[in-house]
Amino acid sequence: MKYSLKEGIEAISCEWFYQNVIPSIRKRFEYDNKLCDVLGLALLYACFTSGETEILVPDVIKKRVHMAYEQLGIEEAQPVRKIPLIVQRRNDQMVIDEYIEVGNHQVMNGQINGAVMNIEYFQSILVCLNQLEQLVNNHAARSDANIADMRSYINQKMRVLNNNI
């Protein structure tokens, strides 16, 4: 799962987030914003879960986060949303993507609204994507080679010009 702030919650700034949700983690890893964001969003989500999905968070942390959140005056009960991820293997590489949303529905386990999607269709799309990725990589490699050849040619002409002068 991936966590992100819900849309429309601009009141939560990075400074508020680091000071109120993960102050100890931020002190320990002050130069690693990415790590702090990942751990902090997960902790913020855990602080606001309840019911069957409640995640155990120490009461001290939960109270600190809830008090700071109440001072912001945001109406939203859960400021963080969970984003499901798909882990795939493409050309012996691990690729992690978000679930694709189709309209207002998510594609999960090959189903949209109970209708089974054509797996071969998705596989053909993945094959096309892989082919396009390889094509782009080949063009980039050729462009790099052409640029290197042009630099070499220009340097050679500059040496001849300098020798003639």
C-alpha atoms as a PDB file:
ATOM      1  CA  MET A   1       0.000   0.000   0.000  1.00  0.00           C
ATOM      2  CA  LYS A   2       0.986   3.553  -0.645  1.00  0.00           C
ATOM      3  CA  TYR A   3      -0.307   6.482   1.400  1.00  0.00           C
ATOM      4  CA  SER A   4      -0.967  10.059   0.334  1.00  0.00           C
ATOM      5  CA  LEU A   5      -2.833  13.046   1.709  1.00  0.00           C
ATOM      6  CA  LYS A   6      -6.370  13.385   0.442  1.00  0.00           C
ATOM      7  CA  GLU A   7      -7.100  16.145  -2.032  1.00  0.00           C
ATOM      8  CA  GLY A   8      -8.204  19.411  -0.500  1.00  0.00           C
ATOM      9  CA  ILE A   9      -6.115  19.099   2.662  1.00  0.00           C
ATOM     10  CA  GLU A  10      -3.640  21.922   2.125  1.00  0.00           C
ATOM     11  CA  ALA A  11      -3.543  22.876   5.810  1.00  0.00           C
ATOM     12  CA  ILE A  12      -1.088  20.071   6.557  1.00  0.00           C
ATOM     13  CA  SER A  13       2.321  21.490   5.717  1.00  0.00           C
ATOM     14  CA  CYS A  14       5.615  19.622   5.779  1.00  0.00           C
ATOM     15  CA  GLU A  15       6.671  21.491   8.916  1.00  0.00           C
ATOM     16  CA  TRP A  16       3.432  20.629  10.730  1.00  0.00           C
ATOM     17  CA  PHE A  17       3.783  17.050   9.576  1.00  0.00           C
ATOM     18  CA  TYR A  18       7.394  16.708  10.776  1.00  0.00           C
ATOM     19  CA  GLN A  19       6.814  18.491  14.095  1.00  0.00           C
ATOM     20  CA  ASN A  20       3.546  16.853  15.136  1.00  0.00           C
ATOM     21  CA  VAL A  21       3.452  13.403  13.562  1.00  0.00           C
ATOM     22  CA  ILE A  22       7.065  12.211  13.387  1.00  0.00           C
ATOM     23  CA  PRO A  23       9.309  14.525  15.429  1.00  0.00           C
ATOM     24  CA  SER A  24      11.622  11.727  16.629  1.00  0.00           C
ATOM     25  CA  ILE A  25      11.976  10.182  13.173  1.00  0.00           C
ATOM     26  CA  ARG A  26      12.641  13.625  11.692  1.00  0.00           C
ATOM     27  CA  LYS A  27      15.426  14.326  14.211  1.00  0.00           C
ATOM     28  CA  ARG A  28      17.052  10.986  13.436  1.00  0.00           C
ATOM     29  CA  PHE A  29      16.714  11.263   9.639  1.00  0.00           C
ATOM     30  CA  GLU A  30      16.631  15.040   9.101  1.00  0.00           C
ATOM     31  CA  TYR A  31      18.114  14.865   5.584  1.00  0.00           C
ATOM     32  CA  ASP A  32      15.932  12.047   4.286  1.00  0.00           C
ATOM     33  CA  ASN A  33      12.606  13.695   3.396  1.00  0.00           C
ATOM     34  CA  LYS A  34      11.379  10.719   1.378  1.00  0.00           C
ATOM     35  CA  LEU A  35      11.769   8.299   4.298  1.00  0.00           C
ATOM     36  CA  CYS A  36      10.127  10.749   6.692  1.00  0.00           C
ATOM     37  CA  ASP A  37       7.199  11.250   4.312  1.00  0.00           C
ATOM     38  CA  VAL A  38       6.625   7.515   3.840  1.00  0.00           C
ATOM     39  CA  LEU A  39       6.802   6.682   7.539  1.00  0.00           C
ATOM     40  CA  GLY A  40       4.882   9.789   8.560  1.00  0.00           C
ATOM     41  CA  LEU A  41       1.951   9.210   6.202  1.00  0.00           C
ATOM     42  CA  ALA A  42       1.655   5.618   7.393  1.00  0.00           C
ATOM     43  CA  LEU A  43       1.692   6.770  11.035  1.00  0.00           C
ATOM     44  CA  LEU A  44      -0.832   9.542  10.357  1.00  0.00           C
ATOM     45  CA  TYR A  45      -3.123   6.998   8.690  1.00  0.00           C
ATOM     46  CA  ALA A  46      -2.721   4.610  11.626  1.00  0.00           C
ATOM     47  CA  CYS A  47      -3.559   7.358  14.136  1.00  0.00           C
ATOM     48  CA  PHE A  48      -6.951   7.940  12.497  1.00  0.00           C
ATOM     49  CA  THR A  49      -8.035   4.336  11.902  1.00  0.00           C
ATOM     50  CA  SER A  50     -10.775   2.891  14.054  1.00  0.00           C
ATOM     51  CA  GLY A  51     -13.057  -0.120  14.258  1.00  0.00           C
ATOM     52  CA  GLU A  52     -11.994  -3.444  12.798  1.00  0.00           C
ATOM     53  CA  THR A  53      -9.047  -1.986  10.901  1.00  0.00           C
ATOM     54  CA  GLU A  54      -7.600  -0.198  13.924  1.00  0.00           C
ATOM     55  CA  ILE A  55      -3.816  -0.246  13.979  1.00  0.00           C
ATOM     56  CA  LEU A  56      -2.143  -0.212  17.387  1.00  0.00           C
ATOM     57  CA  VAL A  57      -0.409   3.106  17.948  1.00  0.00           C
ATOM     58  CA  PRO A  58       0.842   4.207  21.392  1.00  0.00           C
ATOM     59  CA  ASP A  59      -1.688   6.482  23.073  1.00  0.00           C
ATOM     60  CA  VAL A  60       0.910   9.233  23.602  1.00  0.00           C
ATOM     61  CA  ILE A  61       1.523   9.515  19.860  1.00  0.00           C
ATOM     62  CA  LYS A  62      -2.174   9.249  19.009  1.00  0.00           C
ATOM     63  CA  LYS A  63      -3.112  12.027  21.459  1.00  0.00           C
ATOM     64  CA  ARG A  64      -0.304  14.300  20.215  1.00  0.00           C
ATOM     65  CA  VAL A  65      -1.378  13.870  16.581  1.00  0.00           C
ATOM     66  CA  HIS A  66      -5.111  14.266  17.316  1.00  0.00           C
ATOM     67  CA  MET A  67      -4.559  17.443  19.360  1.00  0.00           C
ATOM     68  CA  ALA A  68      -2.391  19.014  16.655  1.00  0.00           C
ATOM     69  CA  TYR A  69      -4.883  17.958  13.972  1.00  0.00           C
ATOM     70  CA  GLU A  70      -7.821  19.484  15.873  1.00  0.00           C
ATOM     71  CA  GLN A  71      -5.943  22.804  16.051  1.00  0.00           C
ATOM     72  CA  LEU A  72      -5.837  22.872  12.240  1.00  0.00           C
ATOM     73  CA  GLY A  73      -9.660  22.871  12.161  1.00  0.00           C
ATOM     74  CA  ILE A  74      -9.992  20.338   9.343  1.00  0.00           C
ATOM     75  CA  GLU A  75     -13.352  18.583   9.059  1.00  0.00           C
ATOM     76  CA  GLU A  76     -11.969  15.414   7.404  1.00  0.00           C
ATOM     77  CA  ALA A  77     -11.953  12.421   9.771  1.00  0.00           C
ATOM     78  CA  GLN A  78      -9.164  10.580   7.892  1.00  0.00           C
ATOM     79  CA  PRO A  79      -6.684  12.891   6.099  1.00  0.00           C
ATOM     80  CA  VAL A  80      -4.740  10.072   4.437  1.00  0.00           C
ATOM     81  CA  ARG A  81      -5.906   7.730   1.695  1.00  0.00           C
ATOM     82  CA  LYS A  82      -4.517   4.292   0.934  1.00  0.00           C
ATOM     83  CA  ILE A  83      -3.515   3.628  -2.652  1.00  0.00           C
ATOM     84  CA  PRO A  84      -3.371  -0.035  -3.661  1.00  0.00           C
ATOM     85  CA  LEU A  85      -0.311  -1.106  -5.654  1.00  0.00           C
ATOM     86  CA  ILE A  86       0.375  -3.768  -8.275  1.00  0.00           C
ATOM     87  CA  VAL A  87       3.746  -5.531  -8.228  1.00  0.00           C
ATOM     88  CA  GLN A  88       4.712  -7.022 -11.594  1.00  0.00           C
ATOM     89  CA  ARG A  89       7.678  -8.530 -13.328  1.00  0.00           C
ATOM     90  CA  ARG A  90       8.605  -7.085 -16.726  1.00  0.00           C
ATOM     91  CA  ASN A  91      11.717  -8.272 -18.542  1.00  0.00           C
ATOM     92  CA  ASP A  92      13.252  -9.598 -15.321  1.00  0.00           C
ATOM     93  CA  GLN A  93      12.650  -6.290 -13.552  1.00  0.00           C
ATOM     94  CA  MET A  94      10.294  -5.644 -10.664  1.00  0.00           C
ATOM     95  CA  VAL A  95       7.839  -2.856 -11.415  1.00  0.00           C
ATOM     96  CA  ILE A  96       5.469  -1.351  -8.847  1.00  0.00           C
ATOM     97  CA  ASP A  97       2.459   0.548 -10.218  1.00  0.00           C
ATOM     98  CA  GLU A  98      -0.706   1.959  -8.722  1.00  0.00           C
ATOM     99  CA  TYR A  99      -4.007   0.246  -9.489  1.00  0.00           C
ATOM    100  CA  ILE A 100      -5.600   1.723 -12.574  1.00  0.00           C
ATOM    101  CA  GLU A 101      -8.850   3.578 -11.999  1.00  0.00           C
ATOM    102  CA  VAL A 102     -11.446   3.220 -14.734  1.00  0.00           C
ATOM    103  CA  GLY A 103     -14.045   5.926 -14.308  1.00  0.00           C
ATOM    104  CA  ASN A 104     -15.114   5.774 -10.672  1.00  0.00           C
ATOM    105  CA  HIS A 105     -14.112   2.127 -10.337  1.00  0.00           C
ATOM    106  CA  GLN A 106     -10.783   0.479  -9.650  1.00  0.00           C
ATOM    107  CA  VAL A 107      -9.370  -2.458 -11.569  1.00  0.00           C
ATOM    108  CA  MET A 108      -8.688  -5.052  -8.889  1.00  0.00           C
ATOM    109  CA  ASN A 109      -7.852  -8.695  -9.588  1.00  0.00           C
ATOM    110  CA  GLY A 110      -8.916  -8.198 -13.209  1.00  0.00           C
ATOM    111  CA  GLN A 111     -12.512  -7.222 -12.345  1.00  0.00           C
ATOM    112  CA  ILE A 112     -14.564  -4.084 -12.802  1.00  0.00           C
ATOM    113  CA  ASN A 113     -17.992  -4.163 -11.139  1.00  0.00           C
ATOM    114  CA  GLY A 114     -17.891  -7.964 -11.060  1.00  0.00           C
ATOM    115  CA  ALA A 115     -17.308  -8.312 -14.814  1.00  0.00           C
ATOM    116  CA  VAL A 116     -14.152 -10.303 -15.512  1.00  0.00           C
ATOM    117  CA  MET A 117     -11.762  -8.366 -17.716  1.00  0.00           C
ATOM    118  CA  ASN A 118     -10.003 -10.028 -20.618  1.00  0.00           C
ATOM    119  CA  ILE A 119      -6.584 -10.958 -19.214  1.00  0.00           C
ATOM    120  CA  GLU A 120      -5.111 -11.407 -22.701  1.00  0.00           C
ATOM    121  CA  TYR A 121      -6.062  -7.824 -23.506  1.00  0.00           C
ATOM    122  CA  PHE A 122      -4.135  -6.520 -20.502  1.00  0.00           C
ATOM    123  CA  GLN A 123      -1.203  -8.793 -21.341  1.00  0.00           C
ATOM    124  CA  SER A 124      -1.108  -7.416 -24.887  1.00  0.00           C
ATOM    125  CA  ILE A 125      -1.089  -3.886 -23.474  1.00  0.00           C
ATOM    126  CA  LEU A 126       1.842  -4.811 -21.225  1.00  0.00           C
ATOM    127  CA  VAL A 127       3.712  -6.301 -24.183  1.00  0.00           C
ATOM    128  CA  CYS A 128       3.112  -3.121 -26.198  1.00  0.00           C
ATOM    129  CA  LEU A 129       4.328  -1.008 -23.293  1.00  0.00           C
ATOM    130  CA  ASN A 130       7.478  -3.112 -23.016  1.00  0.00           C
ATOM    131  CA  GLN A 131       8.120  -2.796 -26.748  1.00  0.00           C
ATOM    132  CA  LEU A 132       7.630   0.974 -26.602  1.00  0.00           C
ATOM    133  CA  GLU A 133       9.976   1.203 -23.631  1.00  0.00           C
ATOM    134  CA  GLN A 134      12.643  -0.766 -25.506  1.00  0.00           C
ATOM    135  CA  LEU A 135      12.153   1.414 -28.584  1.00  0.00           C
ATOM    136  CA  VAL A 136      12.550   4.607 -26.544  1.00  0.00           C
ATOM    137  CA  ASN A 137      15.677   3.204 -24.877  1.00  0.00           C
ATOM    138  CA  ASN A 138      17.140   2.281 -28.282  1.00  0.00           C
ATOM    139  CA  HIS A 139      16.452   5.770 -29.633  1.00  0.00           C
ATOM    140  CA  ALA A 140      18.017   7.339 -26.555  1.00  0.00           C
ATOM    141  CA  ALA A 141      21.130   5.165 -26.932  1.00  0.00           C
ATOM    142  CA  ARG A 142      21.419   6.073 -30.622  1.00  0.00           C
ATOM    143  CA  SER A 143      20.982   9.765 -29.820  1.00  0.00           C
ATOM    144  CA  ASP A 144      23.723   9.558 -27.190  1.00  0.00           C
ATOM    145  CA  ALA A 145      26.017   7.838 -29.697  1.00  0.00           C
ATOM    146  CA  ASN A 146      25.261  10.478 -32.356  1.00  0.00           C
ATOM    147  CA  ILE A 147      25.992  13.289 -29.901  1.00  0.00           C
ATOM    148  CA  ALA A 148      29.295  11.670 -28.948  1.00  0.00           C
ATOM    149  CA  ASP A 149      30.214  11.324 -32.654  1.00  0.00           C
ATOM    150  CA  MET A 150      29.330  14.978 -33.299  1.00  0.00           C
ATOM    151  CA  ARG A 151      31.453  16.133 -30.352  1.00  0.00           C
ATOM    152  CA  SER A 152      34.380  14.102 -31.613  1.00  0.00           C
ATOM    153  CA  TYR A 153      33.960  15.521 -35.128  1.00  0.00           C
ATOM    154  CA  ILE A 154      33.716  19.098 -33.824  1.00  0.00           C
ATOM    155  CA  ASN A 155      36.799  18.627 -31.633  1.00  0.00           C
ATOM    156  CA  GLN A 156      38.735  17.272 -34.620  1.00  0.00           C
ATOM    157  CA  LYS A 157      37.715  20.248 -36.795  1.00  0.00           C
ATOM    158  CA  MET A 158      38.621  22.667 -33.994  1.00  0.00           C
ATOM    159  CA  ARG A 159      42.105  21.108 -33.766  1.00  0.00           C
ATOM    160  CA  VAL A 160      42.572  21.474 -37.525  1.00  0.00           C
ATOM    161  CA  LEU A 161      41.352  25.069 -37.367  1.00  0.00           C
ATOM    162  CA  ASN A 162      43.695  25.867 -34.460  1.00  0.00           C
ATOM    163  CA  ASN A 163      46.637  24.259 -36.278  1.00  0.00           C
ATOM    164  CA  ASN A 164      45.879  26.286 -39.426  1.00  0.00           C
ATOM    165  CA  ILE A 165      45.727  29.533 -37.464  1.00  0.00           C
END
